[in-house]
């Protein structure tokens, strides 16, 4: 049975400002680095086969810091890159509402496209590690979309805002992916409301 521990990347300056990042490659800030270190301590002395990560630097750096404690294969996986929000990237909530009151952002990746690549990513991870536990470092909007794919995704309240460096668990049972505990943040010394998505 494949189990995936899904970790949202640590905080960036844009998270702290409430700016939509999408595929804009914003690095971790000092707090984000600290959050990644706290994740590493949380995972220390536990058994994981590999760490998968989005190729965007905020996720990859989070994964690299976690892996300082684990020393396991670190694999970039394009399928879990953040959703592109097109012309809304870099805007805060107020700016987005003013510019795009209908929430339709020009040049945004469609949700169908996001869900299709997430399905492919889950298949790839399960094929590579059918009986193992792996860590996946990804992004807020992607994690939200991922949970909607799951067999019991309706148990995930859509209004939940995922913490930077928050931890969630999914596993495959038979041919169904099931959501376990989600948005765990007890391992973090600081959790900011503004950076949640």
N, C-alpha and C. Protein backbone atom coordinates (compact mmCIF):
# COMPACT_ATOMS: atom_id res chain seq x y z
N UNK A 1 0.84 -1.19 0.00
CA UNK A 1 0.00 0.00 0.00
C UNK A 1 0.88 1.25 0.00
N UNK A 2 0.70 2.10 -0.97
CA UNK A 2 1.43 3.37 -1.01
C UNK A 2 0.79 4.37 -0.05
N UNK A 3 1.63 4.97 0.78
CA UNK A 3 1.18 6.08 1.63
C UNK A 3 2.00 7.31 1.26
N UNK A 4 1.33 8.43 1.09
CA UNK A 4 2.01 9.68 0.76
C UNK A 4 1.74 10.70 1.87
N UNK A 5 2.82 11.23 2.42
CA UNK A 5 2.70 12.36 3.34
C UNK A 5 2.89 13.62 2.50
N UNK A 6 1.84 14.41 2.38
CA UNK A 6 1.84 15.60 1.54
C UNK A 6 2.19 16.81 2.41
N UNK A 7 3.25 17.50 2.04
CA UNK A 7 3.73 18.66 2.79
C UNK A 7 3.60 19.90 1.91
N UNK A 8 2.95 20.93 2.41
CA UNK A 8 2.98 22.21 1.69
C UNK A 8 4.33 22.87 1.96
N UNK A 9 4.89 23.51 0.94
CA UNK A 9 6.18 24.18 1.08
C UNK A 9 6.16 25.21 2.21
N UNK A 10 7.35 25.58 2.69
CA UNK A 10 7.47 26.62 3.70
C UNK A 10 7.11 28.00 3.15
N UNK A 11 7.06 28.95 4.06
CA UNK A 11 6.59 30.30 3.72
C UNK A 11 7.56 31.05 2.80
N UNK A 12 6.98 31.88 1.94
CA UNK A 12 7.73 32.83 1.10
C UNK A 12 7.29 34.24 1.46
N UNK A 13 8.01 35.23 0.96
CA UNK A 13 7.59 36.61 1.19
C UNK A 13 6.21 36.87 0.59
N UNK A 14 5.92 36.27 -0.56
CA UNK A 14 4.61 36.47 -1.17
C UNK A 14 3.50 35.83 -0.34
N UNK A 15 3.79 34.67 0.29
CA UNK A 15 2.81 34.11 1.22
C UNK A 15 2.51 35.10 2.34
N UNK A 16 3.57 35.67 2.90
CA UNK A 16 3.42 36.59 4.02
C UNK A 16 2.62 37.82 3.63
N UNK A 17 2.68 38.21 2.35
CA UNK A 17 1.95 39.38 1.86
C UNK A 17 0.59 39.01 1.28
N UNK A 18 0.26 37.72 1.25
CA UNK A 18 -1.01 37.28 0.69
C UNK A 18 -1.06 37.37 -0.83
N UNK A 19 0.11 37.32 -1.49
CA UNK A 19 0.15 37.41 -2.95
C UNK A 19 0.06 36.02 -3.59
N UNK A 20 -0.68 35.93 -4.68
CA UNK A 20 -0.86 34.67 -5.40
C UNK A 20 0.42 34.35 -6.17
N UNK A 21 0.98 33.16 -5.93
CA UNK A 21 2.27 32.81 -6.53
C UNK A 21 2.14 32.03 -7.83
N UNK A 22 1.34 30.99 -7.82
CA UNK A 22 1.24 30.16 -9.01
C UNK A 22 2.60 29.62 -9.41
N UNK A 23 2.94 29.75 -10.70
CA UNK A 23 4.22 29.22 -11.18
C UNK A 23 5.35 30.24 -11.09
N UNK A 24 5.07 31.45 -10.57
CA UNK A 24 6.15 32.40 -10.31
C UNK A 24 7.06 31.79 -9.26
N UNK A 25 8.36 31.76 -9.54
CA UNK A 25 9.28 30.99 -8.69
C UNK A 25 9.82 31.84 -7.55
N UNK A 26 9.03 31.95 -6.50
CA UNK A 26 9.37 32.77 -5.33
C UNK A 26 10.08 31.87 -4.31
N UNK A 27 11.27 32.28 -3.80
CA UNK A 27 12.00 31.43 -2.86
C UNK A 27 11.43 31.48 -1.45
N UNK A 28 11.84 30.52 -0.64
CA UNK A 28 11.49 30.54 0.78
C UNK A 28 12.08 31.78 1.44
N UNK A 29 11.37 32.31 2.44
CA UNK A 29 11.97 33.35 3.28
C UNK A 29 12.56 32.67 4.52
N UNK A 30 13.09 33.46 5.45
CA UNK A 30 13.74 32.87 6.63
C UNK A 30 12.78 32.02 7.45
N UNK A 31 11.54 32.48 7.58
CA UNK A 31 10.55 31.70 8.32
C UNK A 31 10.26 30.38 7.60
N UNK A 32 10.20 30.43 6.27
CA UNK A 32 9.97 29.22 5.49
C UNK A 32 11.09 28.20 5.66
N UNK A 33 12.32 28.68 5.71
CA UNK A 33 13.47 27.79 5.95
C UNK A 33 13.33 27.14 7.33
N UNK A 34 12.96 27.94 8.34
CA UNK A 34 12.77 27.40 9.68
C UNK A 34 11.65 26.36 9.71
N UNK A 35 10.55 26.64 9.02
CA UNK A 35 9.45 25.68 8.95
C UNK A 35 9.91 24.37 8.32
N UNK A 36 10.70 24.46 7.26
CA UNK A 36 11.21 23.25 6.61
C UNK A 36 12.11 22.46 7.56
N UNK A 37 12.92 23.18 8.35
CA UNK A 37 13.77 22.50 9.34
C UNK A 37 12.91 21.79 10.38
N UNK A 38 11.82 22.43 10.80
CA UNK A 38 10.93 21.80 11.78
C UNK A 38 10.25 20.57 11.19
N UNK A 39 9.93 20.61 9.90
CA UNK A 39 9.41 19.41 9.23
C UNK A 39 10.46 18.30 9.25
N UNK A 40 11.71 18.66 8.96
CA UNK A 40 12.78 17.67 8.98
C UNK A 40 12.91 16.99 10.32
N UNK A 41 12.84 17.78 11.40
CA UNK A 41 12.90 17.22 12.75
C UNK A 41 11.71 16.29 12.99
N UNK A 42 10.52 16.69 12.51
CA UNK A 42 9.32 15.86 12.65
C UNK A 42 9.51 14.50 11.98
N UNK A 43 10.14 14.49 10.80
CA UNK A 43 10.30 13.24 10.05
C UNK A 43 11.51 12.42 10.49
N UNK A 44 12.42 13.03 11.24
CA UNK A 44 13.63 12.33 11.66
C UNK A 44 13.26 11.06 12.41
N UNK A 45 14.03 10.01 12.18
CA UNK A 45 13.81 8.71 12.84
C UNK A 45 12.51 8.05 12.43
N UNK A 46 11.96 8.43 11.29
CA UNK A 46 10.82 7.71 10.72
C UNK A 46 11.25 7.18 9.35
N UNK A 47 10.55 6.18 8.86
CA UNK A 47 10.97 5.50 7.63
C UNK A 47 10.18 5.97 6.42
N UNK A 48 10.90 6.52 5.46
CA UNK A 48 10.32 6.97 4.20
C UNK A 48 11.22 6.50 3.08
N UNK A 49 10.62 6.11 1.95
CA UNK A 49 11.40 5.56 0.84
C UNK A 49 11.99 6.65 -0.05
N UNK A 50 11.29 7.77 -0.18
CA UNK A 50 11.73 8.84 -1.09
C UNK A 50 10.98 10.12 -0.78
N UNK A 51 11.52 11.22 -1.27
CA UNK A 51 10.83 12.51 -1.24
C UNK A 51 10.60 12.95 -2.68
N UNK A 52 9.35 13.17 -3.03
CA UNK A 52 9.00 13.79 -4.31
C UNK A 52 8.79 15.28 -4.07
N UNK A 53 9.14 16.09 -5.06
CA UNK A 53 8.94 17.52 -4.91
C UNK A 53 8.60 18.17 -6.25
N UNK A 54 7.76 19.17 -6.16
CA UNK A 54 7.56 20.09 -7.29
C UNK A 54 8.91 20.69 -7.64
N UNK A 55 9.14 21.00 -8.93
CA UNK A 55 10.42 21.61 -9.31
C UNK A 55 10.57 23.08 -8.92
N UNK A 56 9.48 23.75 -8.50
CA UNK A 56 9.59 25.15 -8.11
C UNK A 56 10.44 25.27 -6.85
N UNK A 57 11.26 26.33 -6.78
CA UNK A 57 12.30 26.40 -5.74
C UNK A 57 11.75 26.39 -4.33
N UNK A 58 10.58 26.98 -4.08
CA UNK A 58 10.06 27.00 -2.71
C UNK A 58 9.73 25.60 -2.22
N UNK A 59 9.27 24.73 -3.12
CA UNK A 59 9.01 23.33 -2.75
C UNK A 59 10.30 22.53 -2.70
N UNK A 60 11.13 22.69 -3.71
CA UNK A 60 12.37 21.91 -3.78
C UNK A 60 13.28 22.22 -2.60
N UNK A 61 13.40 23.50 -2.23
CA UNK A 61 14.24 23.86 -1.09
C UNK A 61 13.67 23.27 0.20
N UNK A 62 12.34 23.31 0.35
CA UNK A 62 11.71 22.67 1.52
C UNK A 62 12.08 21.19 1.56
N UNK A 63 11.98 20.51 0.42
CA UNK A 63 12.29 19.08 0.35
C UNK A 63 13.76 18.81 0.68
N UNK A 64 14.65 19.65 0.16
CA UNK A 64 16.08 19.47 0.41
C UNK A 64 16.40 19.63 1.90
N UNK A 65 15.76 20.60 2.55
CA UNK A 65 15.99 20.80 3.98
C UNK A 65 15.46 19.61 4.78
N UNK A 66 14.27 19.13 4.45
CA UNK A 66 13.73 17.93 5.11
C UNK A 66 14.69 16.76 4.92
N UNK A 67 15.23 16.63 3.73
CA UNK A 67 16.08 15.48 3.40
C UNK A 67 17.43 15.52 4.11
N UNK A 68 17.80 16.66 4.68
CA UNK A 68 19.02 16.71 5.50
C UNK A 68 18.91 15.76 6.69
N UNK A 69 17.69 15.47 7.12
CA UNK A 69 17.46 14.54 8.23
C UNK A 69 17.29 13.10 7.77
N UNK A 70 16.90 12.90 6.50
CA UNK A 70 16.49 11.56 6.05
C UNK A 70 17.48 10.89 5.10
N UNK A 71 18.13 11.66 4.24
CA UNK A 71 19.11 11.11 3.29
C UNK A 71 18.52 10.00 2.43
N UNK A 72 17.42 10.32 1.76
CA UNK A 72 16.74 9.37 0.88
C UNK A 72 16.65 9.98 -0.52
N UNK A 73 16.29 9.19 -1.54
CA UNK A 73 16.18 9.76 -2.89
C UNK A 73 15.22 10.95 -2.93
N UNK A 74 15.64 12.02 -3.62
CA UNK A 74 14.82 13.21 -3.81
C UNK A 74 14.51 13.31 -5.30
N UNK A 75 13.24 13.30 -5.65
CA UNK A 75 12.81 13.18 -7.04
C UNK A 75 11.91 14.36 -7.40
N UNK A 76 12.30 15.12 -8.42
CA UNK A 76 11.42 16.19 -8.92
C UNK A 76 10.30 15.58 -9.75
N UNK A 77 9.08 16.08 -9.54
CA UNK A 77 7.92 15.56 -10.28
C UNK A 77 7.09 16.74 -10.78
N UNK A 78 7.13 16.92 -12.09
CA UNK A 78 6.49 18.05 -12.75
C UNK A 78 4.98 18.08 -12.52
N UNK A 79 4.38 16.90 -12.35
CA UNK A 79 2.92 16.82 -12.22
C UNK A 79 2.38 17.56 -11.00
N UNK A 80 3.23 17.79 -10.00
CA UNK A 80 2.77 18.45 -8.77
C UNK A 80 3.27 19.89 -8.66
N UNK A 81 3.68 20.45 -9.79
CA UNK A 81 4.01 21.88 -9.85
C UNK A 81 2.73 22.67 -9.57
N UNK A 82 2.87 23.88 -9.02
CA UNK A 82 1.68 24.68 -8.70
C UNK A 82 0.90 25.03 -9.97
N UNK A 83 -0.39 25.26 -9.78
CA UNK A 83 -1.26 25.70 -10.87
C UNK A 83 -0.85 27.10 -11.30
N UNK A 84 -0.84 27.34 -12.60
CA UNK A 84 -0.61 28.70 -13.10
C UNK A 84 -1.88 29.52 -12.92
N UNK A 85 -1.72 30.71 -12.34
CA UNK A 85 -2.85 31.62 -12.18
C UNK A 85 -2.78 32.79 -13.16
N UNK A 86 -1.98 32.63 -14.20
CA UNK A 86 -1.96 33.60 -15.29
C UNK A 86 -1.68 35.01 -14.81
N UNK A 87 -2.52 35.93 -15.26
CA UNK A 87 -2.29 37.35 -15.00
C UNK A 87 -2.57 37.76 -13.55
N UNK A 88 -3.10 36.85 -12.74
CA UNK A 88 -3.36 37.17 -11.34
C UNK A 88 -2.14 36.94 -10.45
N UNK A 89 -1.12 36.31 -10.98
CA UNK A 89 0.07 36.04 -10.16
C UNK A 89 0.72 37.34 -9.73
N UNK A 90 1.10 37.39 -8.46
CA UNK A 90 1.71 38.58 -7.89
C UNK A 90 0.72 39.52 -7.24
N UNK A 91 -0.57 39.29 -7.46
CA UNK A 91 -1.60 40.16 -6.88
C UNK A 91 -2.04 39.64 -5.52
N UNK A 92 -2.39 40.56 -4.62
CA UNK A 92 -3.01 40.14 -3.36
C UNK A 92 -4.53 40.03 -3.59
N UNK A 93 -5.24 39.61 -2.56
CA UNK A 93 -6.68 39.35 -2.69
C UNK A 93 -7.44 40.58 -3.17
N UNK A 94 -7.15 41.73 -2.56
CA UNK A 94 -7.85 42.96 -2.93
C UNK A 94 -7.63 43.31 -4.40
N UNK A 95 -6.39 43.19 -4.84
CA UNK A 95 -6.07 43.48 -6.24
C UNK A 95 -6.77 42.51 -7.19
N UNK A 96 -6.82 41.23 -6.80
CA UNK A 96 -7.48 40.22 -7.66
C UNK A 96 -8.98 40.48 -7.76
N UNK A 97 -9.61 40.81 -6.65
CA UNK A 97 -11.05 41.08 -6.66
C UNK A 97 -11.36 42.29 -7.54
N UNK A 98 -10.52 43.30 -7.45
CA UNK A 98 -10.73 44.52 -8.25
C UNK A 98 -10.52 44.24 -9.74
N UNK A 99 -9.45 43.52 -10.07
CA UNK A 99 -9.12 43.28 -11.49
C UNK A 99 -9.98 42.19 -12.12
N UNK A 100 -10.30 41.16 -11.31
CA UNK A 100 -11.02 39.99 -11.84
C UNK A 100 -12.15 39.61 -10.89
N UNK A 101 -13.22 40.40 -10.83
CA UNK A 101 -14.30 40.14 -9.86
C UNK A 101 -14.98 38.78 -10.04
N UNK A 102 -14.90 38.22 -11.24
CA UNK A 102 -15.52 36.90 -11.47
C UNK A 102 -14.56 35.74 -11.19
N UNK A 103 -13.35 36.05 -10.72
CA UNK A 103 -12.31 35.07 -10.39
C UNK A 103 -11.84 34.28 -11.61
N UNK A 104 -12.10 34.77 -12.80
CA UNK A 104 -11.59 34.15 -14.03
C UNK A 104 -10.31 34.88 -14.43
N UNK A 105 -9.17 34.25 -14.16
CA UNK A 105 -7.89 34.91 -14.42
C UNK A 105 -7.41 34.58 -15.83
N UNK A 106 -7.14 35.59 -16.66
CA UNK A 106 -6.63 35.32 -18.01
C UNK A 106 -5.36 34.47 -17.96
N UNK A 107 -5.30 33.48 -18.85
CA UNK A 107 -4.14 32.58 -19.00
C UNK A 107 -3.94 31.64 -17.81
N UNK A 108 -4.96 31.45 -16.99
CA UNK A 108 -4.89 30.51 -15.87
C UNK A 108 -5.00 29.07 -16.40
N UNK A 109 -4.25 28.15 -15.78
CA UNK A 109 -4.38 26.73 -16.12
C UNK A 109 -5.76 26.25 -15.69
N UNK A 110 -6.41 25.49 -16.54
CA UNK A 110 -7.75 25.00 -16.21
C UNK A 110 -7.68 23.97 -15.09
N UNK A 111 -8.75 23.88 -14.31
CA UNK A 111 -8.80 22.89 -13.24
C UNK A 111 -8.73 21.48 -13.82
N UNK A 112 -9.35 21.24 -14.96
CA UNK A 112 -9.29 19.92 -15.60
C UNK A 112 -7.86 19.52 -15.91
N UNK A 113 -7.07 20.48 -16.37
CA UNK A 113 -5.66 20.21 -16.66
C UNK A 113 -4.90 19.87 -15.38
N UNK A 114 -5.15 20.62 -14.32
CA UNK A 114 -4.50 20.36 -13.03
C UNK A 114 -4.86 18.95 -12.55
N UNK A 115 -6.14 18.61 -12.57
CA UNK A 115 -6.58 17.31 -12.07
C UNK A 115 -6.00 16.17 -12.89
N UNK A 116 -5.90 16.36 -14.21
CA UNK A 116 -5.34 15.32 -15.08
C UNK A 116 -3.88 15.05 -14.73
N UNK A 117 -3.11 16.10 -14.52
CA UNK A 117 -1.70 15.86 -14.20
C UNK A 117 -1.51 15.30 -12.80
N UNK A 118 -2.40 15.67 -11.87
CA UNK A 118 -2.32 15.09 -10.53
C UNK A 118 -2.61 13.59 -10.57
N UNK A 119 -3.62 13.20 -11.36
CA UNK A 119 -3.91 11.76 -11.53
C UNK A 119 -2.67 11.03 -12.05
N UNK A 120 -2.04 11.61 -13.07
CA UNK A 120 -0.84 11.00 -13.64
C UNK A 120 0.28 10.91 -12.60
N UNK A 121 0.43 11.95 -11.79
CA UNK A 121 1.45 11.95 -10.75
C UNK A 121 1.22 10.87 -9.71
N UNK A 122 -0.03 10.69 -9.30
CA UNK A 122 -0.36 9.64 -8.34
C UNK A 122 -0.03 8.26 -8.91
N UNK A 123 -0.37 8.05 -10.18
CA UNK A 123 -0.05 6.77 -10.83
C UNK A 123 1.46 6.54 -10.83
N UNK A 124 2.22 7.57 -11.19
CA UNK A 124 3.68 7.44 -11.23
C UNK A 124 4.26 7.07 -9.86
N UNK A 125 3.82 7.77 -8.82
CA UNK A 125 4.33 7.48 -7.48
C UNK A 125 3.94 6.06 -7.06
N UNK A 126 2.70 5.67 -7.29
CA UNK A 126 2.24 4.34 -6.89
C UNK A 126 3.00 3.25 -7.65
N UNK A 127 3.27 3.47 -8.94
CA UNK A 127 4.02 2.47 -9.72
C UNK A 127 5.46 2.34 -9.22
N UNK A 128 6.07 3.45 -8.84
CA UNK A 128 7.46 3.42 -8.37
C UNK A 128 7.58 2.88 -6.94
N UNK A 129 6.58 3.17 -6.10
CA UNK A 129 6.64 2.80 -4.68
C UNK A 129 5.32 2.16 -4.25
N UNK A 130 5.00 0.96 -4.77
CA UNK A 130 3.67 0.37 -4.52
C UNK A 130 3.44 -0.07 -3.08
N UNK A 131 4.51 -0.26 -2.32
CA UNK A 131 4.36 -0.77 -0.95
C UNK A 131 5.11 0.10 0.06
N UNK A 132 5.33 1.35 -0.30
CA UNK A 132 6.19 2.19 0.53
C UNK A 132 5.49 3.48 0.96
N UNK A 133 6.16 4.17 1.87
CA UNK A 133 5.73 5.49 2.32
C UNK A 133 6.66 6.52 1.70
N UNK A 134 6.09 7.55 1.09
CA UNK A 134 6.89 8.61 0.50
C UNK A 134 6.36 9.97 0.96
N UNK A 135 7.21 10.97 0.86
CA UNK A 135 6.85 12.35 1.16
C UNK A 135 6.71 13.09 -0.17
N UNK A 136 5.73 13.96 -0.26
CA UNK A 136 5.52 14.79 -1.45
C UNK A 136 5.43 16.25 -1.00
N UNK A 137 6.35 17.08 -1.48
CA UNK A 137 6.31 18.51 -1.15
C UNK A 137 5.69 19.24 -2.34
N UNK A 138 4.59 19.94 -2.08
CA UNK A 138 3.84 20.58 -3.16
C UNK A 138 3.30 21.93 -2.69
N UNK A 139 2.22 22.37 -3.30
CA UNK A 139 1.71 23.74 -3.19
C UNK A 139 0.25 23.75 -2.77
N UNK A 140 -0.18 24.88 -2.21
CA UNK A 140 -1.52 24.98 -1.65
C UNK A 140 -2.64 24.65 -2.62
N UNK A 141 -2.66 25.29 -3.79
CA UNK A 141 -3.76 25.05 -4.73
C UNK A 141 -3.72 23.63 -5.28
N UNK A 142 -2.52 23.10 -5.49
CA UNK A 142 -2.38 21.72 -5.96
C UNK A 142 -2.87 20.74 -4.90
N UNK A 143 -2.54 20.99 -3.65
CA UNK A 143 -2.98 20.09 -2.58
C UNK A 143 -4.50 20.14 -2.45
N UNK A 144 -5.08 21.32 -2.51
CA UNK A 144 -6.55 21.43 -2.51
C UNK A 144 -7.15 20.61 -3.64
N UNK A 145 -6.60 20.76 -4.85
CA UNK A 145 -7.12 20.02 -6.01
C UNK A 145 -6.93 18.53 -5.83
N UNK A 146 -5.78 18.13 -5.29
CA UNK A 146 -5.50 16.71 -5.06
C UNK A 146 -6.56 16.09 -4.15
N UNK A 147 -6.91 16.80 -3.09
CA UNK A 147 -7.88 16.24 -2.15
C UNK A 147 -9.27 16.10 -2.78
N UNK A 148 -9.59 16.92 -3.76
CA UNK A 148 -10.89 16.78 -4.43
C UNK A 148 -10.94 15.53 -5.30
N UNK A 149 -9.77 15.02 -5.69
CA UNK A 149 -9.71 13.79 -6.50
C UNK A 149 -9.98 12.53 -5.70
N UNK A 150 -9.77 12.60 -4.41
CA UNK A 150 -9.76 11.39 -3.59
C UNK A 150 -11.16 10.85 -3.37
N UNK A 151 -11.21 9.56 -3.10
CA UNK A 151 -12.48 8.86 -2.91
C UNK A 151 -13.34 9.54 -1.86
N UNK A 152 -12.71 9.98 -0.78
CA UNK A 152 -13.46 10.64 0.29
C UNK A 152 -13.15 12.13 0.31
N UNK A 153 -12.85 12.70 -0.84
CA UNK A 153 -12.49 14.11 -0.93
C UNK A 153 -13.56 15.04 -0.42
N UNK A 154 -14.81 14.55 -0.42
CA UNK A 154 -15.90 15.40 0.07
C UNK A 154 -15.82 15.62 1.57
N UNK A 155 -14.96 14.85 2.26
CA UNK A 155 -14.78 15.08 3.69
C UNK A 155 -13.80 16.22 3.96
N UNK A 156 -13.12 16.68 2.90
CA UNK A 156 -12.17 17.78 3.04
C UNK A 156 -12.91 19.09 2.83
N UNK A 157 -13.08 19.88 3.88
CA UNK A 157 -13.83 21.13 3.72
C UNK A 157 -13.07 22.11 2.83
N UNK A 158 -13.70 22.55 1.75
CA UNK A 158 -13.02 23.41 0.78
C UNK A 158 -12.59 24.74 1.38
N UNK A 159 -13.23 25.15 2.48
CA UNK A 159 -12.83 26.43 3.08
C UNK A 159 -11.60 26.30 3.96
N UNK A 160 -11.11 25.07 4.19
CA UNK A 160 -9.90 24.89 4.99
C UNK A 160 -8.74 25.58 4.29
N UNK A 161 -8.00 26.34 5.07
CA UNK A 161 -6.83 27.03 4.53
C UNK A 161 -5.59 26.28 5.00
N UNK A 162 -4.80 25.81 4.04
CA UNK A 162 -3.65 24.96 4.34
C UNK A 162 -2.47 25.79 4.82
N UNK A 163 -1.88 25.38 5.93
CA UNK A 163 -0.73 26.08 6.51
C UNK A 163 0.52 25.81 5.70
N UNK A 164 1.39 26.82 5.59
CA UNK A 164 2.72 26.57 5.05
C UNK A 164 3.41 25.53 5.92
N UNK A 165 4.00 24.52 5.29
CA UNK A 165 4.68 23.40 5.96
C UNK A 165 3.71 22.52 6.74
N UNK A 166 2.41 22.66 6.48
CA UNK A 166 1.43 21.75 7.06
C UNK A 166 1.52 20.37 6.40
N UNK A 167 1.11 19.36 7.14
CA UNK A 167 1.28 17.96 6.73
C UNK A 167 -0.08 17.27 6.64
N UNK A 168 -0.26 16.51 5.56
CA UNK A 168 -1.48 15.73 5.35
C UNK A 168 -1.08 14.34 4.86
N UNK A 169 -2.00 13.38 4.98
CA UNK A 169 -1.69 12.01 4.59
C UNK A 169 -2.75 11.47 3.64
N UNK A 170 -2.30 10.80 2.58
CA UNK A 170 -3.20 10.06 1.71
C UNK A 170 -2.61 8.66 1.51
N UNK A 171 -3.47 7.69 1.24
CA UNK A 171 -2.99 6.33 0.99
C UNK A 171 -3.92 5.66 -0.01
N UNK A 172 -3.38 4.66 -0.70
CA UNK A 172 -4.19 3.93 -1.66
C UNK A 172 -4.66 2.64 -1.00
N UNK A 173 -5.95 2.38 -1.11
CA UNK A 173 -6.55 1.16 -0.57
C UNK A 173 -7.32 0.51 -1.71
N UNK A 174 -6.81 -0.63 -2.18
CA UNK A 174 -7.36 -1.22 -3.39
C UNK A 174 -6.97 -0.32 -4.55
N UNK A 175 -7.97 0.23 -5.23
CA UNK A 175 -7.67 1.16 -6.33
C UNK A 175 -8.14 2.57 -6.00
N UNK A 176 -8.35 2.85 -4.71
CA UNK A 176 -8.89 4.15 -4.30
C UNK A 176 -7.90 4.88 -3.40
N UNK A 177 -7.71 6.15 -3.67
CA UNK A 177 -6.90 6.99 -2.79
C UNK A 177 -7.81 7.57 -1.71
N UNK A 178 -7.35 7.49 -0.47
CA UNK A 178 -8.14 7.91 0.68
C UNK A 178 -7.38 9.00 1.44
N UNK A 179 -8.10 10.03 1.84
CA UNK A 179 -7.53 11.12 2.63
C UNK A 179 -7.56 10.75 4.10
N UNK A 180 -6.40 10.87 4.76
CA UNK A 180 -6.32 10.66 6.20
C UNK A 180 -6.31 12.00 6.92
N UNK A 181 -5.47 12.11 7.94
CA UNK A 181 -5.35 13.39 8.65
C UNK A 181 -4.82 14.44 7.69
N UNK A 182 -5.31 15.68 7.83
CA UNK A 182 -4.85 16.72 6.92
C UNK A 182 -4.59 18.03 7.66
N UNK A 183 -3.67 18.80 7.08
CA UNK A 183 -3.33 20.14 7.57
C UNK A 183 -2.82 20.11 9.01
N UNK A 184 -2.02 19.10 9.34
CA UNK A 184 -1.43 19.01 10.67
C UNK A 184 -0.32 20.06 10.80
N UNK A 185 -0.30 20.79 11.92
CA UNK A 185 0.72 21.83 12.08
C UNK A 185 1.31 21.88 13.48
N UNK A 186 1.09 20.84 14.28
CA UNK A 186 1.59 20.84 15.66
C UNK A 186 3.12 20.83 15.71
N UNK A 187 3.78 20.39 14.63
CA UNK A 187 5.24 20.35 14.58
C UNK A 187 5.86 21.73 14.34
N UNK A 188 5.03 22.72 14.03
CA UNK A 188 5.53 24.05 13.69
C UNK A 188 5.47 24.99 14.88
N UNK A 189 6.53 25.79 15.06
CA UNK A 189 6.54 26.75 16.17
C UNK A 189 5.69 27.98 15.86
N UNK A 190 5.52 28.29 14.56
CA UNK A 190 4.71 29.44 14.15
C UNK A 190 3.85 29.06 12.96
N UNK A 191 2.57 29.38 13.03
CA UNK A 191 1.67 29.18 11.90
C UNK A 191 1.00 30.51 11.62
N UNK A 192 1.19 31.02 10.41
CA UNK A 192 0.62 32.32 10.03
C UNK A 192 -0.69 32.12 9.31
N UNK A 193 -1.70 32.89 9.67
CA UNK A 193 -2.99 32.82 8.99
C UNK A 193 -2.92 33.42 7.59
N UNK A 194 -2.12 34.47 7.42
CA UNK A 194 -2.16 35.21 6.16
C UNK A 194 -1.62 34.40 4.99
N UNK A 195 -0.67 33.51 5.23
CA UNK A 195 -0.08 32.74 4.13
C UNK A 195 -0.85 31.50 3.75
N UNK A 196 -1.91 31.20 4.50
CA UNK A 196 -2.67 29.99 4.20
C UNK A 196 -3.45 30.14 2.90
N UNK A 197 -3.67 29.02 2.24
CA UNK A 197 -4.45 29.05 1.01
C UNK A 197 -5.51 27.96 1.07
